[in-house]
Amino acid sequence: MKNVRQHIILVSIDTLRADCIQASPRANAFRNKYNIHISLKTDPLDKVVKAGTYYNNCFSAAPYTSASHAAYFTGLWPRHNGIYEFFNRKLIAPTIFEHAKKQGYITIFQTDFPVILGKYLGFTTGIDHYFIEDEKRAYQTLFKNRQNKTISFFHFAGVHYPYGFHTLKFGGEDYIRKVKFLEKKYNVPRLEKQRLDDVLDETFRDTKDTELLLRYKYIVQKLYAEAKYGDLFELYVEGINYFMEHRFKQFIKNITNFADNTNAVLFLFADHGEEWDAYSEGHHNSLSDNVLRVPLVVYGKNIRSRIENRLVRSIDVAPTIMELLPNNAKKIKMDGRPLDIFHARASARKIYALAQVWMSIATKRQIAAYQQITMKKGKATKPLNTYLFAEIIRTIEEKVAFYYDKRGSILKEEKVVNRKKSRNANILRLKKILKDYNSRKQKKALKLSSIEAQIRNELINLGYNI
């Protein structure tokens, strides 16, 4: 019981790469690929990394926000918790917030992405205080409850594009000027919405804010089509610096002060990274190490300053938190394993990490329309057709990845072995684990099916071809 924590705090910096923190052992590794002329300025985050336990080989269970966070919150692989796509299904497993609430913890949830981390996919279940783009009020709620038991989550999208700004609320005139500058620099024509496929949005915006986001995405679309990957990545690094200085600096100061003066533990992590090249369009379609390897730091009293190089997974965070609750429910089964944050550990050879990319048959415009229908109804409707595009499984020594067509046929298999003693039997074991994972029947899981006629008609009425 000595390790029970009164306050458990989770902070997620959406899209932050593990090598984009100056205090990370991997700092600036991206320069081997991208010719970037600006320096990373992550001092607010560096202080936490240096003072806490940093996990240098943590891998996310998915390259998109909804599925990645669901794995963090449930301790279950995506196909076991119900959310393995971007926006298509609801959680079917309880989260750490629900478990903690049963033990008297007040639950606080702040997100910059209420569409994909909100009620529509089941993320608000068990939440007492839910905030949208308002970390100040969320922190005030935490502070007011410092005499109680709390579990809180703070999600930031400032590193996600539009890099650094998120919305006009946070970017203001800097955001407007940046968009105008980029349009002029790259000779981007006036936005023609019908030529922009990616009209997806993860938050609620007014007309002016939406227009600005679409203009930014139009710039990104043009740069990607012209293979200007270095330019895109430089925008990303600029965004990290802007977010750290203009929004994150004061917040993390408040949170660490709170942790220093209470019986609290802080878990700081990312859901996925970012990669621009011919095979990785940001993150949503990518199994790149730079997308799936994410920073994870644990900070608090009795947490030693150290770097751990063993393989850990995002699904290991939830069972770790369970051990910090007064009544650790041993009977609650999770795929993850507790990290033992108070002691250093070596890598377990049989520990594996996996991730999948599920793609929709629909276009991004159609998915956006599906989102609108879901929000109008106030709940997820029958899911759109999707297919397994790619998957990867790894140990600390080897990894194997598969890429598929829409019919499920293997297009490509990739194997990487990092150790001379690695045997073919290890690869065969990993393949079997993947096969079992994909063949296991999901209790309560919704089946893949065609779009209902009603949804088809609604999409058509919105002007989309099905």
Protein backbone atom coordinates (compact mmCIF):
# COMPACT_ATOMS: atom_id res chain seq x y z
CA MET A 1 0.00 0.00 0.00
CA LYS A 2 2.99 2.32 0.33
CA ASN A 3 2.95 3.02 -3.42
CA VAL A 4 -0.72 4.03 -3.55
CA ARG A 5 -1.10 7.49 -5.09
CA GLN A 6 -3.77 9.99 -4.18
CA HIS A 7 -3.48 11.76 -7.52
CA ILE A 8 -2.78 10.09 -10.86
CA ILE A 9 -2.14 12.51 -13.72
CA LEU A 10 -1.87 11.63 -17.41
CA VAL A 11 -0.62 14.14 -19.98
CA SER A 12 -0.74 13.34 -23.69
CA ILE A 13 1.05 15.44 -26.30
CA ASP A 14 -0.55 14.33 -29.53
CA THR A 15 1.85 13.53 -32.43
CA LEU A 16 5.11 14.10 -30.50
CA ARG A 17 8.02 12.00 -31.80
CA ALA A 18 10.44 10.41 -29.36
CA ASP A 19 13.42 12.11 -31.04
CA CYS A 20 11.82 15.56 -30.84
CA ILE A 21 12.63 16.11 -27.17
CA GLN A 22 16.06 17.55 -26.47
CA ALA A 23 16.43 15.53 -23.26
CA SER A 24 15.59 12.27 -25.04
CA PRO A 25 18.47 9.88 -25.81
CA ARG A 26 17.22 9.95 -29.40
CA ALA A 27 17.15 13.74 -29.66
CA ASN A 28 17.57 15.10 -33.18
CA ALA A 29 17.84 11.68 -34.85
CA PHE A 30 15.43 13.06 -37.44
CA ARG A 31 18.29 15.16 -38.82
CA ASN A 32 19.67 11.99 -40.40
CA LYS A 33 16.69 12.11 -42.73
CA TYR A 34 15.52 15.72 -42.87
CA ASN A 35 17.69 18.76 -43.52
CA ILE A 36 16.22 20.99 -40.80
CA HIS A 37 17.81 24.37 -40.04
CA ILE A 38 16.01 25.18 -36.80
CA SER A 39 16.73 23.92 -33.29
CA LEU A 40 14.35 22.07 -31.02
CA LYS A 41 13.31 24.14 -28.02
CA THR A 42 11.65 21.77 -25.59
CA ASP A 43 13.01 23.05 -22.28
CA PRO A 44 9.64 22.84 -20.43
CA LEU A 45 9.45 19.15 -21.29
CA ASP A 46 13.17 18.45 -20.86
CA LYS A 47 12.97 19.25 -17.16
CA VAL A 48 10.37 16.53 -16.62
CA VAL A 49 12.25 13.97 -18.72
CA LYS A 50 15.50 14.59 -16.83
CA ALA A 51 13.84 14.38 -13.41
CA GLY A 52 11.74 11.28 -14.08
CA THR A 53 12.02 7.79 -15.50
CA TYR A 54 12.14 7.91 -19.29
CA TYR A 55 11.23 4.84 -21.33
CA ASN A 56 13.34 4.96 -24.47
CA ASN A 57 11.63 2.08 -26.28
CA CYS A 58 7.92 2.57 -25.75
CA PHE A 59 5.69 1.61 -28.68
CA SER A 60 2.13 2.70 -29.35
CA ALA A 61 -0.59 0.22 -30.31
CA ALA A 62 -1.85 2.39 -33.19
CA PRO A 63 -0.76 5.33 -35.38
CA TYR A 64 -3.94 7.35 -34.83
CA THR A 65 -5.30 9.14 -31.79
CA SER A 66 -8.50 7.27 -30.93
CA ALA A 67 -7.12 3.73 -31.06
CA SER A 68 -3.85 4.71 -29.39
CA HIS A 69 -5.53 6.38 -26.42
CA ALA A 70 -8.01 3.53 -26.04
CA ALA A 71 -5.04 1.17 -25.59
CA TYR A 72 -3.46 3.49 -23.00
CA PHE A 73 -6.73 3.75 -21.06
CA THR A 74 -7.78 0.08 -21.09
CA GLY A 75 -4.48 -1.81 -21.08
CA LEU A 76 -5.88 -3.87 -23.96
CA TRP A 77 -4.80 -4.26 -27.56
CA PRO A 78 -7.08 -2.34 -29.97
CA ARG A 79 -9.06 -5.34 -31.22
CA HIS A 80 -9.69 -6.33 -27.61
CA ASN A 81 -10.95 -2.92 -26.43
CA GLY A 82 -13.14 -2.22 -29.47
CA ILE A 83 -11.36 0.77 -31.03
CA TYR A 84 -8.85 -0.22 -33.68
CA GLU A 85 -9.83 2.24 -36.42
CA PHE A 86 -9.76 6.05 -36.55
CA PHE A 87 -13.48 6.80 -36.07
CA ASN A 88 -15.73 3.80 -36.50
CA ARG A 89 -16.51 1.99 -33.23
CA LYS A 90 -16.99 2.53 -29.50
CA LEU A 91 -15.04 1.25 -26.53
CA ILE A 92 -16.26 -2.14 -25.31
CA ALA A 93 -13.92 -2.36 -22.30
CA PRO A 94 -13.71 -0.34 -19.07
CA THR A 95 -11.02 2.32 -18.73
CA ILE A 96 -8.71 3.23 -15.86
CA PHE A 97 -11.08 6.14 -15.16
CA GLU A 98 -13.95 3.74 -14.55
CA HIS A 99 -11.80 1.46 -12.39
CA ALA A 100 -10.53 4.40 -10.31
CA LYS A 101 -14.00 5.94 -9.99
CA LYS A 102 -15.22 2.74 -8.32
CA GLN A 103 -12.54 3.33 -5.68
CA GLY A 104 -13.65 6.88 -4.95
CA TYR A 105 -11.43 8.80 -7.36
CA ILE A 106 -12.77 11.96 -8.98
CA THR A 107 -12.21 11.73 -12.74
CA ILE A 108 -11.13 14.72 -14.85
CA PHE A 109 -10.73 14.63 -18.64
CA GLN A 110 -9.48 17.50 -20.83
CA THR A 111 -9.08 17.05 -24.58
CA ASP A 112 -8.36 19.13 -27.65
CA PHE A 113 -10.08 16.48 -29.80
CA PRO A 114 -13.65 16.04 -28.48
CA VAL A 115 -14.86 14.41 -31.69
CA ILE A 116 -12.55 11.40 -31.46
CA LEU A 117 -11.87 11.49 -27.69
CA GLY A 118 -15.42 12.18 -26.62
CA LYS A 119 -18.81 10.60 -26.07
CA TYR A 120 -19.20 9.37 -29.65
CA LEU A 121 -16.59 6.64 -29.17
CA GLY A 122 -17.27 6.09 -25.47
CA PHE A 123 -14.43 8.08 -23.91
CA THR A 124 -16.66 10.05 -21.51
CA THR A 125 -17.93 7.01 -19.62
CA GLY A 126 -17.03 7.35 -15.96
CA ILE A 127 -15.82 10.95 -16.32
CA ASP A 128 -16.98 13.44 -13.67
CA HIS A 129 -15.52 16.60 -15.23
CA TYR A 130 -15.04 16.83 -19.01
CA PHE A 131 -13.35 19.84 -20.62
CA ILE A 132 -12.76 20.82 -24.23
CA GLU A 133 -9.66 22.88 -25.06
CA ASP A 134 -9.54 24.30 -21.56
CA GLU A 135 -6.61 22.90 -19.57
CA LYS A 136 -6.76 25.89 -17.22
CA ARG A 137 -10.22 25.02 -15.92
CA ALA A 138 -9.31 21.34 -15.84
CA TYR A 139 -6.23 22.12 -13.75
CA GLN A 140 -8.29 24.34 -11.45
CA THR A 141 -10.67 21.41 -10.93
CA LEU A 142 -7.72 19.19 -10.06
CA PHE A 143 -6.32 21.77 -7.65
CA LYS A 144 -9.69 22.28 -5.92
CA ASN A 145 -9.83 18.53 -5.33
CA ARG A 146 -6.29 18.23 -3.96
CA GLN A 147 -7.66 16.88 -0.67
CA ASN A 148 -9.60 14.18 -2.51
CA LYS A 149 -8.44 11.32 -4.71
CA THR A 150 -8.26 12.16 -8.42
CA ILE A 151 -7.28 10.70 -11.75
CA SER A 152 -6.94 13.32 -14.47
CA PHE A 153 -6.10 13.39 -18.17
CA PHE A 154 -4.84 16.38 -20.15
CA HIS A 155 -4.65 16.00 -23.93
CA PHE A 156 -2.95 18.58 -26.16
CA ALA A 157 -3.14 18.76 -29.95
CA GLY A 158 -0.70 21.64 -30.36
CA VAL A 159 1.93 19.45 -32.02
CA HIS A 160 -0.62 18.00 -34.47
CA TYR A 161 -1.15 20.06 -37.61
CA PRO A 162 -1.89 22.93 -37.96
CA TYR A 163 1.49 22.63 -36.28
CA GLY A 164 1.78 24.69 -33.11
CA PHE A 165 -1.59 26.40 -33.27
CA HIS A 166 -4.46 23.88 -33.07
CA THR A 167 -7.16 26.57 -33.32
CA LEU A 168 -7.55 30.34 -33.55
CA LYS A 169 -8.10 30.36 -29.79
CA PHE A 170 -4.47 29.35 -29.27
CA GLY A 171 -2.79 30.53 -32.48
CA GLY A 172 -4.57 33.83 -33.04
CA GLU A 173 -2.91 36.26 -35.43
CA ASP A 174 0.25 34.12 -35.54
CA TYR A 175 -1.80 31.31 -37.06
CA ILE A 176 -3.43 33.60 -39.64
CA ARG A 177 -0.10 35.15 -40.62
CA LYS A 178 1.53 31.73 -40.94
CA VAL A 179 -1.11 30.44 -43.32
CA LYS A 180 -0.85 33.55 -45.50
CA PHE A 181 2.95 33.29 -45.50
CA LEU A 182 2.91 29.63 -46.53
CA GLU A 183 0.36 30.22 -49.28
CA LYS A 184 2.57 32.92 -50.74
CA LYS A 185 5.84 31.01 -50.27
CA TYR A 186 4.60 27.88 -51.99
CA ASN A 187 2.32 29.60 -54.49
CA VAL A 188 -0.72 27.77 -53.16
CA PRO A 189 -3.84 28.63 -55.19
CA ARG A 190 -7.07 29.76 -53.62
CA LEU A 191 -8.68 26.94 -51.68
CA GLU A 192 -11.05 24.86 -53.77
CA LYS A 193 -12.80 22.63 -51.25
CA GLN A 194 -13.80 20.07 -53.84
CA ARG A 195 -10.10 19.45 -54.53
CA LEU A 196 -9.29 18.85 -50.87
CA ASP A 197 -9.98 15.30 -49.78
CA ASP A 198 -8.95 15.65 -46.13
CA VAL A 199 -11.77 17.68 -44.60
CA LEU A 200 -11.71 15.64 -41.38
CA ASP A 201 -11.75 17.52 -38.10
CA GLU A 202 -11.30 16.31 -34.55
CA THR A 203 -12.75 19.32 -32.74
CA PHE A 204 -15.57 21.86 -33.01
CA ARG A 205 -14.76 25.04 -34.94
CA ASP A 206 -16.65 28.08 -36.15
CA THR A 207 -16.69 28.98 -39.85
CA LYS A 208 -13.58 31.16 -39.74
CA ASP A 209 -11.56 28.58 -37.82
CA THR A 210 -12.67 25.77 -40.14
CA GLU A 211 -11.75 27.79 -43.22
CA LEU A 212 -8.27 28.43 -41.83
CA LEU A 213 -7.74 24.74 -41.04
CA LEU A 214 -8.77 23.72 -44.55
CA ARG A 215 -6.38 26.27 -46.04
CA TYR A 216 -3.59 24.81 -43.91
CA LYS A 217 -4.48 21.29 -45.02
CA TYR A 218 -4.52 22.47 -48.64
CA ILE A 219 -0.93 23.65 -48.15
CA VAL A 220 0.03 20.30 -46.64
CA GLN A 221 -1.66 18.45 -49.50
CA LYS A 222 0.30 20.47 -52.07
CA LEU A 223 3.64 20.02 -50.30
CA TYR A 224 3.10 16.29 -49.98
CA ALA A 225 2.13 15.95 -53.64
CA GLU A 226 5.37 17.73 -54.53
CA ALA A 227 7.38 15.43 -52.21
CA LYS A 228 8.57 18.36 -50.08
CA TYR A 229 8.91 16.15 -47.03
CA GLY A 230 11.67 18.21 -45.45
CA ASP A 231 9.55 21.36 -45.64
CA LEU A 232 6.66 19.57 -43.97
CA PHE A 233 8.90 18.29 -41.20
CA GLU A 234 10.36 21.73 -40.61
CA LEU A 235 6.82 23.04 -40.12
CA TYR A 236 6.35 20.24 -37.60
CA VAL A 237 9.46 21.18 -35.60
CA GLU A 238 8.45 24.86 -35.68
CA GLY A 239 5.07 23.80 -34.31
CA ILE A 240 6.66 21.91 -31.42
CA ASN A 241 8.65 24.99 -30.43
CA TYR A 242 5.61 27.26 -30.69
CA PHE A 243 3.43 24.95 -28.61
CA MET A 244 6.07 24.58 -25.91
CA GLU A 245 6.54 28.33 -25.57
CA HIS A 246 2.99 29.60 -25.95
CA ARG A 247 0.87 26.95 -24.29
CA PHE A 248 2.68 24.07 -22.63
CA LYS A 249 5.30 25.92 -20.56
CA GLN A 250 2.99 27.32 -17.91
CA PHE A 251 0.80 24.23 -17.80
CA ILE A 252 3.62 21.76 -17.12
CA LYS A 253 5.04 24.11 -14.49
CA ASN A 254 1.70 24.04 -12.67
CA ILE A 255 1.36 20.27 -12.96
CA THR A 256 4.87 19.46 -11.72
CA ASN A 257 4.44 21.89 -8.81
CA PHE A 258 1.22 20.09 -7.94
CA ALA A 259 2.93 16.70 -8.15
CA ASP A 260 5.85 17.91 -6.02
CA ASN A 261 3.53 19.02 -3.23
CA THR A 262 1.04 16.15 -3.19
CA ASN A 263 1.06 12.37 -3.25
CA ALA A 264 0.88 12.29 -7.04
CA VAL A 265 2.39 10.51 -10.02
CA LEU A 266 2.54 11.92 -13.54
CA PHE A 267 2.56 9.86 -16.74
CA LEU A 268 3.50 11.94 -19.78
CA PHE A 269 3.33 10.35 -23.22
CA ALA A 270 2.40 10.71 -26.89
CA ASP A 271 -0.14 8.71 -28.87
CA HIS A 272 2.04 8.52 -31.98
CA GLY A 273 4.77 10.42 -33.80
CA GLU A 274 4.99 12.02 -37.24
CA GLU A 275 6.81 11.00 -40.43
CA TRP A 276 6.77 12.50 -43.89
CA ASP A 277 7.99 10.46 -46.84
CA ALA A 278 6.63 8.53 -49.82
CA TYR A 279 5.23 5.83 -47.53
CA SER A 280 4.13 7.83 -44.49
CA GLU A 281 1.63 10.64 -44.94
CA GLY A 282 2.04 12.14 -41.49
CA HIS A 283 1.03 9.21 -39.32
CA HIS A 284 -2.38 7.69 -40.02
CA ASN A 285 -1.13 5.14 -42.59
CA SER A 286 2.30 4.47 -41.10
CA LEU A 287 4.04 1.66 -39.23
CA SER A 288 7.31 3.60 -39.15
CA ASP A 289 9.35 3.36 -35.96
CA ASN A 290 9.26 7.15 -35.87
CA VAL A 291 5.47 7.03 -35.71
CA LEU A 292 5.02 4.07 -33.37
CA ARG A 293 7.90 4.72 -30.96
CA VAL A 294 6.58 7.30 -28.49
CA PRO A 295 8.00 9.15 -25.49
CA LEU A 296 6.88 7.92 -22.08
CA VAL A 297 8.06 9.52 -18.85
CA VAL A 298 6.94 8.88 -15.27
CA TYR A 299 7.47 11.67 -12.74
CA GLY A 300 6.77 11.92 -9.02
CA LYS A 301 8.04 11.26 -5.53
CA ASN A 302 10.19 8.12 -5.22
CA ILE A 303 10.49 7.94 -9.01
CA ARG A 304 14.20 7.91 -9.77
CA SER A 305 15.80 9.86 -12.60
CA ARG A 306 16.84 7.20 -15.10
CA ILE A 307 16.53 5.99 -18.67
CA GLU A 308 15.09 2.55 -19.34
CA ASN A 309 15.90 0.96 -22.70
CA ARG A 310 13.74 -2.14 -22.38
CA LEU A 311 10.76 -2.67 -24.66
CA VAL A 312 7.52 -1.38 -23.15
CA ARG A 313 4.11 -0.80 -24.68
CA SER A 314 1.38 1.81 -24.37
CA ILE A 315 -0.86 -0.97 -23.03
CA ASP A 316 1.46 -1.27 -20.01
CA VAL A 317 0.38 2.11 -18.59
CA ALA A 318 -3.11 1.03 -17.45
CA PRO A 319 -1.98 -2.01 -15.40
CA THR A 320 0.76 0.18 -13.92
CA ILE A 321 -1.88 2.65 -12.76
CA MET A 322 -4.00 -0.16 -11.35
CA GLU A 323 -1.15 -0.98 -8.97
CA LEU A 324 -1.24 2.60 -7.67
CA LEU A 325 -4.89 2.36 -6.59
CA PRO A 326 -5.80 1.39 -3.00
CA ASN A 327 -7.56 -1.81 -4.04
CA ASN A 328 -5.49 -3.24 -6.85
CA ALA A 329 -7.91 -5.47 -8.71
CA LYS A 330 -5.77 -8.46 -9.63
CA LYS A 331 -8.74 -10.14 -11.29
CA ILE A 332 -9.04 -7.42 -13.92
CA LYS A 333 -7.37 -8.91 -16.98
CA MET A 334 -5.34 -6.67 -19.23
CA ASP A 335 -2.98 -7.38 -22.12
CA GLY A 336 -0.37 -5.04 -20.68
CA ARG A 337 1.99 -5.69 -17.78
CA PRO A 338 2.79 -3.32 -14.89
CA LEU A 339 5.99 -1.36 -15.53
CA ASP A 340 7.26 -1.39 -11.92
CA ILE A 341 8.02 2.32 -12.11
CA PHE A 342 9.99 2.26 -8.86
CA HIS A 343 12.70 -0.15 -10.04
CA ALA A 344 14.83 -0.62 -13.15
CA ARG A 345 14.13 -3.73 -15.20
CA ALA A 346 15.76 -5.53 -18.12
CA SER A 347 13.87 -6.38 -21.29
CA ALA A 348 11.85 -9.57 -21.21
CA ARG A 349 12.61 -11.51 -24.38
CA LYS A 350 9.04 -12.69 -24.85
CA ILE A 351 7.51 -9.24 -24.52
CA TYR A 352 6.12 -8.11 -27.86
CA ALA A 353 4.50 -4.96 -29.21
CA LEU A 354 2.06 -4.90 -32.09
CA ALA A 355 0.19 -2.28 -34.08
CA GLN A 356 -2.18 -2.24 -37.02
CA VAL A 357 -3.35 0.24 -39.63
CA TRP A 358 -6.99 -0.08 -40.62
CA MET A 359 -8.10 1.88 -43.67
CA SER A 360 -11.62 2.78 -44.67
CA ILE A 361 -13.12 1.91 -48.03
CA ALA A 362 -14.64 5.39 -47.90
CA THR A 363 -12.69 8.55 -48.74
CA LYS A 364 -11.74 11.06 -46.08
CA ARG A 365 -14.58 13.30 -47.26
CA GLN A 366 -17.04 10.44 -46.76
CA ILE A 367 -15.59 9.67 -43.32
CA ALA A 368 -16.01 13.35 -42.42
CA ALA A 369 -19.66 13.14 -43.47
CA TYR A 370 -20.03 9.97 -41.40
CA GLN A 371 -18.61 11.89 -38.44
CA GLN A 372 -21.21 14.61 -38.91
CA ILE A 373 -24.00 12.03 -38.99
CA THR A 374 -22.65 10.38 -35.85
CA MET A 375 -22.45 13.71 -34.01
CA LYS A 376 -25.95 14.66 -35.14
CA LYS A 377 -27.30 11.38 -33.78
CA GLY A 378 -25.20 11.71 -30.63
CA LYS A 379 -23.83 8.18 -30.95
CA ALA A 380 -21.84 5.95 -33.27
CA THR A 381 -23.91 4.51 -36.10
CA LYS A 382 -23.29 1.28 -37.96
CA PRO A 383 -19.60 1.20 -38.91
CA LEU A 384 -18.19 1.92 -42.34
CA ASN A 385 -16.38 -0.82 -44.22
CA THR A 386 -12.68 -1.02 -43.37
CA TYR A 387 -9.83 -3.38 -44.16
CA LEU A 388 -6.52 -4.27 -42.55
CA PHE A 389 -3.93 -2.27 -44.49
CA ALA A 390 -0.81 -3.16 -42.52
CA GLU A 391 0.37 -4.65 -39.23
CA ILE A 392 3.61 -5.06 -37.34
CA ILE A 393 4.81 -7.08 -34.37
CA ARG A 394 8.17 -6.75 -32.64
CA THR A 395 10.33 -7.80 -29.74
CA ILE A 396 13.45 -5.96 -28.61
CA GLU A 397 15.43 -8.09 -31.10
CA GLU A 398 13.30 -8.50 -34.22
CA LYS A 399 10.18 -7.34 -36.00
CA VAL A 400 8.01 -8.44 -38.88
CA ALA A 401 5.46 -6.39 -40.82
CA PHE A 402 2.80 -7.23 -43.39
CA TYR A 403 1.00 -5.06 -45.95
CA TYR A 404 -2.30 -6.14 -47.50
CA ASP A 405 -4.65 -5.28 -50.34
CA LYS A 406 -8.37 -4.71 -49.82
CA ARG A 407 -9.08 -8.42 -50.26
CA GLY A 408 -6.64 -9.37 -47.51
CA SER A 409 -3.91 -10.75 -49.74
CA ILE A 410 -0.34 -10.08 -48.62
CA LEU A 411 1.34 -7.47 -50.80
CA LYS A 412 4.61 -7.31 -48.91
CA GLU A 413 6.36 -8.82 -45.91
CA GLU A 414 9.24 -7.10 -44.13
CA LYS A 415 11.56 -8.65 -41.54
CA VAL A 416 14.21 -6.91 -39.47
CA VAL A 417 16.55 -8.79 -37.13
CA ASN A 418 18.70 -6.78 -34.72
CA ARG A 419 20.60 -9.61 -33.09
CA LYS A 420 22.88 -12.34 -34.47
CA LYS A 421 21.39 -14.93 -32.14
CA SER A 422 17.87 -14.19 -33.29
CA ARG A 423 16.42 -17.38 -34.72
CA ASN A 424 13.83 -18.01 -37.39
CA ALA A 425 11.73 -19.63 -34.67
CA ASN A 426 11.31 -16.20 -33.07
CA ILE A 427 9.87 -14.78 -36.30
CA LEU A 428 7.55 -17.77 -36.60
CA ARG A 429 6.36 -17.17 -33.03
CA LEU A 430 5.58 -13.54 -33.79
CA LYS A 431 3.64 -14.52 -36.92
CA LYS A 432 1.59 -16.99 -34.90
CA ILE A 433 0.80 -14.33 -32.29
CA LEU A 434 -0.49 -12.03 -35.04
CA LYS A 435 -2.54 -14.83 -36.57
CA ASP A 436 -4.12 -15.65 -33.22
CA TYR A 437 -4.76 -11.97 -32.52
CA ASN A 438 -6.60 -11.51 -35.81
CA SER A 439 -8.61 -14.73 -35.60
CA ARG A 440 -9.83 -14.32 -32.03
CA LYS A 441 -13.53 -13.58 -31.85
CA GLN A 442 -14.32 -10.27 -30.21
CA LYS A 443 -17.08 -10.40 -27.62
CA LYS A 444 -19.58 -7.58 -28.10
CA ALA A 445 -17.50 -6.20 -30.98
CA LEU A 446 -19.45 -4.80 -33.91
CA LYS A 447 -19.02 -6.69 -37.16
CA LEU A 448 -17.66 -5.09 -40.32
CA SER A 449 -20.54 -4.53 -42.70
CA SER A 450 -21.76 -2.44 -45.59
CA ILE A 451 -22.96 1.10 -45.03
CA GLU A 452 -26.63 1.10 -44.16
CA ALA A 453 -28.96 2.46 -46.78
CA GLN A 454 -29.96 5.30 -44.47
CA ILE A 455 -26.35 6.40 -44.01
CA ARG A 456 -25.69 6.04 -47.74
CA ASN A 457 -28.62 8.32 -48.48
CA GLU A 458 -27.49 10.87 -45.90
CA LEU A 459 -23.99 10.91 -47.35
CA ILE A 460 -25.38 11.33 -50.86
CA ASN A 461 -27.61 14.18 -49.66
CA LEU A 462 -24.49 15.86 -48.28
CA GLY A 463 -23.00 15.74 -51.77
CA TYR A 464 -20.65 12.78 -51.51
CA ASN A 465 -20.33 9.93 -53.97
CA ILE A 466 -20.58 6.49 -52.39
